[in-house]
Protein backbone atom coordinates (compact mmCIF):
# COMPACT_ATOMS: atom_id res chain seq x y z
CA MET A 1 -20.40 111.35 14.36
CA ASN A 2 -20.53 111.42 10.36
CA ASN A 3 -23.60 110.42 8.41
CA ALA A 4 -22.25 107.15 7.30
CA ALA A 5 -21.45 106.23 10.90
CA TRP A 6 -24.91 107.39 12.14
CA SER A 7 -26.93 105.18 9.44
CA LEU A 8 -24.86 102.25 10.51
CA VAL A 9 -25.90 102.69 14.15
CA THR A 10 -29.50 103.32 13.23
CA ALA A 11 -29.66 100.26 10.94
CA VAL A 12 -28.23 97.84 13.61
CA ALA A 13 -30.76 99.36 16.09
CA LEU A 14 -33.46 98.93 13.64
CA VAL A 15 -32.46 95.24 12.85
CA GLY A 16 -32.21 94.57 16.49
CA SER A 17 -35.66 95.76 17.25
CA ALA A 18 -37.39 93.99 14.30
CA GLN A 19 -36.78 90.84 16.04
CA CYS A 20 -39.32 91.35 18.72
CA PRO A 21 -41.09 94.95 19.05
CA VAL A 22 -41.19 96.20 22.73
CA SER A 23 -44.96 96.59 22.17
CA ASP A 24 -45.43 92.73 21.93
CA CYS A 25 -43.23 91.87 24.93
CA PRO A 26 -44.70 90.68 27.11
CA PRO A 27 -48.07 90.23 25.40
CA GLU A 28 -51.27 90.43 27.31
CA ASP A 29 -51.77 87.82 30.03
CA GLY A 30 -54.05 84.95 29.30
CA LEU A 31 -54.40 81.90 27.51
CA LEU A 32 -52.11 81.13 24.58
CA THR A 33 -53.74 81.95 20.92
CA ALA A 34 -55.92 78.93 19.80
CA GLY A 35 -54.64 77.30 16.49
CA GLU A 36 -51.56 75.72 15.32
CA TRP A 37 -47.92 76.68 16.51
CA GLY A 38 -45.09 75.20 14.63
CA GLY A 39 -41.33 75.01 14.55
CA GLU A 40 -38.52 72.78 13.85
CA HIS A 41 -39.17 69.44 15.73
CA TRP A 42 -42.38 70.90 17.32
CA ARG A 43 -46.11 71.18 17.05
CA PHE A 44 -48.30 72.74 19.12
CA GLU A 45 -52.19 72.84 18.57
CA VAL A 46 -53.87 75.01 21.24
CA ALA A 47 -57.62 74.27 21.68
CA SER A 48 -59.92 77.37 22.38
CA ASP A 49 -59.96 76.24 26.22
CA GLY A 50 -56.27 76.50 26.23
CA VAL A 51 -55.30 73.09 26.41
CA VAL A 52 -52.22 72.16 24.27
CA TYR A 53 -51.55 68.91 22.35
CA VAL A 54 -47.78 68.70 21.85
CA GLU A 55 -45.92 66.86 18.92
CA THR A 56 -42.49 66.31 18.61
CA ASP A 57 -40.38 63.93 16.35
CA CYS A 58 -40.44 61.36 18.77
CA ALA A 59 -43.36 61.85 21.28
CA HIS A 60 -46.71 63.29 21.61
CA GLY A 61 -49.05 64.22 24.35
CA THR A 62 -51.62 66.78 25.88
CA SER A 63 -51.19 69.39 28.66
CA ASN A 64 -52.55 68.76 31.96
CA ALA A 65 -54.41 72.05 32.16
CA PRO A 66 -55.12 75.14 30.01
CA VAL A 67 -51.99 76.90 29.22
CA SER A 68 -51.57 80.67 29.76
CA SER A 69 -48.91 83.44 29.84
CA GLU A 70 -48.15 85.65 32.51
CA GLU A 71 -45.91 88.65 31.98
CA GLY A 72 -44.81 86.77 28.73
CA ALA A 73 -43.71 83.52 31.14
CA VAL A 74 -45.42 80.23 30.10
CA ALA A 75 -45.00 76.96 32.21
CA PHE A 76 -46.83 73.88 31.73
CA ALA A 77 -46.57 69.90 32.11
CA ALA A 78 -47.95 67.56 29.43
CA ASP A 79 -48.53 63.98 29.78
CA MET A 80 -46.56 62.45 26.80
CA VAL A 81 -45.75 58.96 25.09
CA SER A 82 -43.04 57.99 22.86
CA ILE A 83 -43.53 57.20 19.05
CA ALA A 84 -41.77 55.61 16.50
CA GLY A 85 -42.99 56.11 12.96
CA GLU A 86 -46.12 57.45 12.23
CA VAL A 87 -48.67 58.15 14.99
CA GLN A 88 -51.20 55.13 15.16
CA TYR A 89 -54.32 55.17 17.00
CA PRO A 90 -55.15 53.37 19.12
CA GLU A 91 -51.55 52.96 20.42
CA GLU A 92 -50.51 49.80 21.53
CA ASP A 93 -49.08 49.88 25.26
CA PRO A 94 -47.88 53.30 25.33
CA VAL A 95 -45.36 53.90 28.22
CA PRO A 96 -46.37 57.46 29.50
CA PHE A 97 -44.01 60.22 30.88
CA VAL A 98 -44.22 63.74 31.92
CA ALA A 99 -42.56 66.65 30.17
CA THR A 100 -42.42 70.06 31.65
CA PHE A 101 -42.11 73.03 29.43
CA SER A 102 -41.12 76.53 30.41
CA GLY A 103 -40.38 79.65 28.30
CA THR A 104 -41.12 83.13 27.22
CA LEU A 105 -43.69 84.23 24.84
CA CYS A 106 -42.95 87.28 22.67
CA GLY A 107 -45.58 88.23 20.29
CA ASP A 108 -46.50 85.25 18.18
CA THR A 109 -43.20 83.30 19.41
CA LEU A 110 -42.92 80.98 22.10
CA THR A 111 -39.33 80.06 23.05
CA PHE A 112 -39.10 77.21 25.61
CA THR A 113 -37.17 74.36 27.41
CA GLU A 114 -38.60 70.90 27.70
CA THR A 115 -37.41 68.92 30.46
CA VAL A 116 -38.06 65.26 31.00
CA VAL A 117 -37.17 63.55 34.36
CA GLY A 118 -36.97 59.72 33.90
CA THR A 119 -37.60 58.39 30.30
CA PRO A 120 -39.28 55.03 29.83
CA GLU A 121 -35.56 53.88 28.67
CA ASP A 122 -33.61 55.46 31.62
CA PRO A 123 -35.65 56.38 34.91
CA GLY A 124 -32.79 58.39 36.25
CA ALA A 125 -32.30 60.57 33.04
CA VAL A 126 -32.83 64.31 33.02
CA VAL A 127 -33.33 65.48 29.41
CA THR A 128 -33.72 68.97 28.22
CA THR A 129 -34.54 70.13 24.75
CA GLU A 130 -34.68 73.85 23.47
CA GLY A 131 -37.53 74.74 21.06
CA VAL A 132 -39.28 77.30 19.45
CA VAL A 133 -42.72 77.64 17.95
CA VAL A 134 -44.40 80.35 15.99
CA TYR A 135 -48.41 80.83 15.79
CA GLY A 136 -49.50 80.15 12.24
CA GLU A 137 -46.58 78.42 11.18
CA PRO A 138 -46.33 74.74 10.08
CA ALA A 139 -44.30 72.21 12.08
CA ALA A 140 -41.41 70.70 10.34
CA LEU A 141 -41.44 67.12 12.13
CA TRP A 142 -39.05 64.16 11.52
CA THR A 143 -40.20 60.62 11.77
CA CYS A 144 -38.69 58.89 14.86
CA GLN A 145 -37.24 55.53 13.93
């Protein structure tokens, strides 16, 4: 293999490994790191006791229990309510629903799927949404109309 081809192979290998160093995957088992986790359409605020406040463009809620990772796997349920416009407190007649979250933690990045079975608008619906949040990053939320 000539030097140019070897350099290209090395560069591709380095770029691929920069996405998630092997030493960070999976992270140590335990509670998610307390603080803000943000992403496009998602905000997780993790309390020191591991309970997660979840906010999306059109809903918000809180995990039913502390959230932890085991060998990089994360799974939890959250009691949610739909919102339109800015979050108002106290909310008038919120209609609660349960959302389940399952995903993989790699370093400071949590990639997940949210699943809602039965929405307030359609009790038979199954809605899945993909998401990514990164510890220490701000959320990019849109106002739901």
